[in-house]
Protein backbone atom coordinates (compact mmCIF):
# COMPACT_ATOMS: atom_id res chain seq x y z
CA MET A 1 -8.38 -23.85 -19.84
CA THR A 2 -6.88 -20.11 -21.59
CA ASP A 3 -3.43 -18.57 -20.61
CA GLU A 4 -5.48 -15.67 -19.74
CA PRO A 5 -5.01 -15.52 -15.50
CA ARG A 6 -8.17 -15.94 -13.79
CA THR A 7 -7.26 -14.16 -10.75
CA ARG A 8 -4.42 -12.51 -9.08
CA LEU A 9 -2.90 -13.98 -5.54
CA PHE A 10 -0.21 -13.49 -3.33
CA VAL A 11 2.59 -16.18 -2.24
CA ASP A 12 5.13 -15.62 -0.33
CA SER A 13 7.30 -18.50 -2.27
CA PRO A 14 10.19 -17.76 -4.76
CA LEU A 15 8.76 -17.31 -8.62
CA ALA A 16 10.91 -18.57 -11.66
CA GLU A 17 9.92 -20.99 -14.52
CA GLY A 18 9.19 -24.84 -13.39
CA LEU A 19 8.76 -24.11 -9.66
CA SER A 20 5.68 -25.44 -7.73
CA VAL A 21 3.73 -23.24 -5.62
CA GLY A 22 1.41 -24.76 -2.74
CA LEU A 23 -1.42 -23.04 -1.42
CA ASP A 24 -3.52 -23.06 1.88
CA HIS A 25 -6.86 -24.11 3.10
CA GLU A 26 -7.93 -20.69 2.54
CA ARG A 27 -6.56 -19.71 -1.05
CA ALA A 28 -7.78 -23.44 -2.32
CA HIS A 29 -11.13 -23.03 -1.22
CA PHE A 30 -11.19 -19.71 -3.07
CA LEU A 31 -9.97 -21.30 -6.10
CA ARG A 32 -12.62 -24.24 -6.35
CA HIS A 33 -15.08 -23.50 -4.67
CA VAL A 34 -15.89 -19.19 -5.22
CA LEU A 35 -14.04 -19.29 -8.83
CA ARG A 36 -15.05 -22.65 -9.90
CA LEU A 37 -11.29 -23.58 -11.18
CA ASP A 38 -10.23 -26.77 -12.59
CA ARG A 39 -6.62 -28.27 -12.86
CA GLY A 40 -5.02 -26.64 -16.26
CA ASP A 41 -6.76 -22.90 -15.17
CA ALA A 42 -4.19 -19.94 -15.10
CA VAL A 43 -3.67 -17.59 -12.26
CA ALA A 44 -0.79 -14.72 -11.96
CA VAL A 45 1.40 -14.91 -8.69
CA PHE A 46 3.50 -12.45 -7.36
CA ASN A 47 5.94 -12.09 -4.23
CA GLY A 48 6.67 -8.72 -3.93
CA ARG A 49 10.44 -9.66 -5.08
CA ASP A 50 10.33 -11.54 -8.43
CA GLY A 51 8.05 -9.80 -10.77
CA GLU A 52 5.01 -11.10 -11.76
CA TRP A 53 4.16 -14.90 -13.24
CA LEU A 54 1.40 -17.11 -14.72
CA ALA A 55 0.79 -20.24 -12.99
CA LEU A 56 -1.25 -23.44 -14.06
CA ILE A 57 -3.51 -24.87 -11.30
CA ASP A 58 -1.49 -28.32 -10.87
CA GLY A 59 -4.36 -29.90 -8.45
CA PHE A 60 -6.32 -29.89 -6.09
CA GLY A 61 -6.39 -32.05 -2.17
CA LYS A 62 -8.10 -31.72 0.60
CA GLY A 63 -6.85 -28.51 1.67
CA TRP A 64 -4.58 -27.47 -0.87
CA CYS A 65 -3.75 -26.39 -4.00
CA SER A 66 -0.42 -26.55 -6.15
CA LEU A 67 0.18 -23.94 -8.84
CA ALA A 68 3.10 -24.98 -11.76
CA VAL A 69 4.70 -21.67 -12.45
CA ARG A 70 5.32 -21.10 -16.17
CA HIS A 71 6.38 -18.32 -17.55
CA GLN A 72 7.01 -14.31 -16.31
CA ARG A 73 4.58 -11.93 -17.08
CA LEU A 74 6.08 -8.73 -15.51
CA PRO A 75 9.63 -8.13 -14.79
CA GLN A 76 10.21 -6.53 -10.68
CA SER A 77 9.68 -2.60 -10.81
CA GLY A 78 11.16 0.03 -8.63
CA GLU A 79 8.31 1.80 -6.33
CA PRO A 80 8.08 5.24 -3.93
CA ASP A 81 9.33 4.68 -1.02
CA LEU A 82 6.23 6.76 0.59
CA TRP A 83 5.76 5.38 4.09
CA LEU A 84 2.28 6.34 5.87
CA LEU A 85 1.39 6.93 9.76
CA PHE A 86 -1.64 6.54 10.94
CA ALA A 87 -3.57 6.97 14.51
CA PRO A 88 -5.77 3.97 14.36
CA LEU A 89 -9.19 4.37 13.71
CA LYS A 90 -12.03 1.92 14.44
CA LYS A 91 -13.59 -0.49 12.95
CA ALA A 92 -14.27 -0.56 8.96
CA ARG A 93 -12.27 2.76 8.53
CA ILE A 94 -9.06 1.22 9.29
CA ASP A 95 -9.70 -1.37 7.00
CA PHE A 96 -10.33 1.57 4.63
CA VAL A 97 -7.03 3.17 5.84
CA ALA A 98 -4.93 0.00 4.51
CA GLU A 99 -6.89 -0.71 1.35
CA LYS A 100 -7.07 2.31 0.16
CA ALA A 101 -3.05 3.25 0.87
CA THR A 102 -2.04 0.25 -0.90
CA GLU A 103 -3.99 1.16 -3.59
CA MET A 104 -2.29 4.28 -3.67
CA GLY A 105 1.28 2.96 -3.44
CA VAL A 106 2.58 3.45 -0.17
CA SER A 107 5.27 1.10 0.93
CA ARG A 108 4.67 1.11 4.49
CA LEU A 109 1.86 1.07 7.04
CA TRP A 110 2.54 2.60 10.14
CA PRO A 111 -0.29 2.84 13.36
CA VAL A 112 1.05 5.41 15.95
CA PHE A 113 -0.81 6.04 19.35
CA THR A 114 -1.08 9.96 19.57
CA ARG A 115 -2.34 11.59 23.17
CA ARG A 116 -5.51 11.50 21.52
CA THR A 117 -5.64 8.19 19.61
CA ASP A 118 -8.31 5.59 20.43
CA PRO A 119 -8.71 2.84 20.18
CA ASN A 120 -5.64 1.67 21.51
CA ARG A 121 -5.37 -1.68 19.71
CA VAL A 122 -4.33 -2.61 16.26
CA ASN A 123 -5.34 -6.44 14.55
CA LEU A 124 -2.55 -6.16 12.64
CA ASP A 125 -3.20 -9.85 10.80
CA ARG A 126 -6.26 -8.13 9.67
CA LEU A 127 -4.41 -5.11 8.67
CA ARG A 128 -2.09 -7.11 6.78
CA ALA A 129 -5.27 -9.16 4.82
CA HIS A 130 -6.33 -6.24 4.12
CA ALA A 131 -3.22 -5.04 2.46
CA VAL A 132 -2.96 -8.00 0.24
CA GLU A 133 -6.11 -8.35 -0.93
CA ALA A 134 -5.61 -5.12 -2.31
CA SER A 135 -2.81 -5.46 -3.77
CA GLU A 136 -3.94 -8.12 -5.41
CA GLN A 137 -6.80 -6.19 -6.74
CA CYS A 138 -4.82 -3.56 -8.22
CA GLU A 139 -1.97 -5.04 -9.89
CA ARG A 140 0.63 -3.89 -7.73
CA LEU A 141 3.87 -6.06 -7.66
CA THR A 142 4.49 -5.67 -3.62
CA VAL A 143 2.96 -6.06 -0.53
CA PRO A 144 3.14 -2.46 1.96
CA ASP A 145 5.44 -3.73 4.93
CA LEU A 146 3.32 -3.67 8.38
CA SER A 147 5.31 -2.34 11.43
CA GLU A 148 4.22 -2.96 15.18
CA PRO A 149 2.35 0.07 16.71
CA VAL A 150 4.49 2.06 18.30
CA PRO A 151 4.06 5.91 20.51
CA LEU A 152 3.88 8.79 18.10
CA SER A 153 6.81 9.71 20.07
CA ARG A 154 9.11 6.71 19.74
CA ALA A 155 8.21 6.77 16.40
CA LEU A 156 9.40 10.30 15.82
CA ALA A 157 12.99 9.57 18.34
CA ASP A 158 14.72 7.27 15.71
CA TRP A 159 13.45 9.21 12.38
CA PRO A 160 15.73 7.94 9.64
CA GLU A 161 17.85 10.74 8.40
CA GLY A 162 16.95 11.80 4.80
CA ARG A 163 13.12 11.21 4.86
CA THR A 164 11.02 14.34 4.68
CA LEU A 165 7.86 13.61 7.38
CA PHE A 166 4.66 15.85 5.99
CA LEU A 167 2.59 16.50 9.06
CA CYS A 168 -1.19 17.19 7.89
CA ALA A 169 -1.79 20.20 10.58
CA GLU A 170 -4.89 20.94 10.62
CA SER A 171 -4.38 24.09 12.89
CA GLY A 172 -0.99 25.92 13.79
CA ALA A 173 1.27 27.43 11.15
CA ALA A 174 1.55 25.14 7.78
CA ARG A 175 2.09 25.66 3.84
CA PRO A 176 -0.53 24.24 1.25
CA VAL A 177 0.58 20.98 0.85
CA ALA A 178 1.48 21.07 -3.33
CA GLU A 179 3.54 23.75 -2.97
CA ALA A 180 5.71 22.15 -0.09
CA MET A 181 5.41 18.93 -1.98
CA ARG A 182 6.84 20.51 -5.11
CA GLU A 183 9.32 21.91 -3.96
CA ARG A 184 10.57 18.64 -2.27
CA GLY A 185 10.50 16.89 -5.06
CA ARG A 186 10.52 13.21 -5.44
CA GLY A 187 12.95 11.04 -2.23
CA PRO A 188 11.94 9.52 0.80
CA ALA A 189 8.96 10.86 2.55
CA ALA A 190 6.38 10.03 4.63
CA LEU A 191 2.92 11.10 5.56
CA LEU A 192 1.61 11.90 8.96
CA ILE A 193 -2.23 12.00 9.61
CA GLY A 194 -3.42 12.84 13.25
CA PRO A 195 -6.87 10.79 14.90
CA GLU A 196 -10.38 11.78 14.60
CA GLY A 197 -10.78 15.28 16.57
CA GLY A 198 -6.62 15.91 15.58
CA PHE A 199 -3.57 16.38 17.88
CA GLU A 200 -3.11 17.92 21.25
CA LYS A 201 -2.17 21.43 20.38
CA SER A 202 1.01 20.82 22.51
CA GLU A 203 1.86 17.89 20.43
CA LEU A 204 1.54 19.69 17.49
CA ASP A 205 3.96 22.11 18.20
CA GLU A 206 6.21 19.51 19.64
CA ILE A 207 6.44 17.97 16.12
CA SER A 208 6.35 20.69 13.81
CA LYS A 209 9.62 21.90 15.47
CA LEU A 210 11.41 18.81 13.90
CA SER A 211 14.10 19.40 11.29
CA PHE A 212 12.37 16.72 9.48
CA VAL A 213 8.63 17.89 9.83
CA VAL A 214 6.90 19.58 6.99
CA PRO A 215 3.82 20.89 8.40
CA VAL A 216 0.95 21.10 5.35
CA GLY A 217 -2.95 22.10 4.81
CA LEU A 218 -5.33 19.71 3.35
CA GLY A 219 -7.66 22.91 2.68
CA PRO A 220 -10.30 25.07 3.97
CA ARG A 221 -12.21 22.25 5.23
CA ILE A 222 -12.20 19.72 8.04
CA LEU A 223 -11.23 16.01 6.38
CA ARG A 224 -12.24 12.75 8.32
CA ALA A 225 -8.82 11.15 9.22
CA ASP A 226 -9.30 8.24 6.27
CA THR A 227 -10.37 11.02 4.05
CA ALA A 228 -7.33 13.01 4.90
CA VAL A 229 -5.27 9.96 3.79
CA VAL A 230 -6.62 9.45 0.26
CA ALA A 231 -5.93 13.73 -0.13
CA ALA A 232 -2.43 13.59 1.09
CA LEU A 233 -1.47 10.28 -0.65
CA ALA A 234 -3.10 11.58 -4.25
CA CYS A 235 -1.11 15.04 -3.70
CA TRP A 236 2.16 13.60 -2.91
CA GLN A 237 1.58 10.76 -5.90
CA SER A 238 0.51 13.83 -8.31
CA LEU A 239 3.25 15.87 -7.53
CA ALA A 240 6.48 13.89 -6.56
CA GLY A 241 5.17 9.98 -6.82
CA ASP A 242 4.82 7.33 -9.61
CA TRP A 243 1.51 9.64 -11.19
CA THR A 244 4.53 11.41 -12.85
CA ALA A 245 7.51 9.12 -13.95
CA ASP A 246 9.65 10.60 -16.65
CA GLY A 247 8.32 9.02 -19.87
CA GLY A 248 6.86 5.75 -18.58
CA GLU A 249 3.55 4.80 -18.93
CA LEU A 250 1.33 6.08 -16.50
CA ARG A 251 -1.59 3.29 -16.33
CA PRO A 252 -1.66 -0.30 -15.20
CA PRO A 253 0.63 -2.66 -17.57
CA PHE A 254 -2.22 -4.39 -18.71
CA ARG A 255 -4.89 -1.96 -19.38
CA SER A 256 -2.59 0.44 -21.85
CA PRO A 257 -3.75 1.07 -25.07
CA VAL A 258 -2.18 -1.51 -27.83
CA GLU A 259 -0.20 0.26 -30.67
CA PRO A 260 -2.59 0.26 -33.85
CA THR A 261 -1.12 -2.36 -36.84
CA VAL A 262 -0.95 -1.43 -40.33
């Protein structure tokens, strides 16, 4: 037995010293038969509200596992308020978007249907599962919200005041992405990535005229939609997000170098 956690799990339950957390069949199976953990082994748990906690396996049963919460490893901290609106992609590519956007720190994933979107259905349970797994792996303390898919026109009609939408435009007038994001600075923001094949010209023109929209270009090469997601998120995080935290540690909390002792 060791107090060093063997894995990291997202849970819905409240977390505090002395509480018990129950895990479902899938999580119990993962701990017992995949990781081969036993009673007394340590895991890290988080719920997006109470920080990260160390918990010990309290017992296994038929299709369940219970954890005893011990102490807090990390307090809950703020994260960038960044949404990702994206046209759904096929199969593994949309899974990739959910995974990488989560790793890159988005606070909301929002599939939107453009005039050229194909496919026109989204498996939200599958997307959420990928987001949860990515959050567990990358050591963030939250899982992104996942909004119901809607036509893009409806999402834009109810757009919240004060949130800049960076439209990643493959054609038409657009500012260099670094210039636009650096000028806007920090604050509520969103990125819009279109479908494979791009927006219809009339659709792009209509979106660009909206007062809260800033069209930006991602360079001289045509990017696939899933590549554009990673490129745009990396630009925003490096210029206006938590990669530029003032005076803060810019690496994962349990990967920072230990101060040398004298």
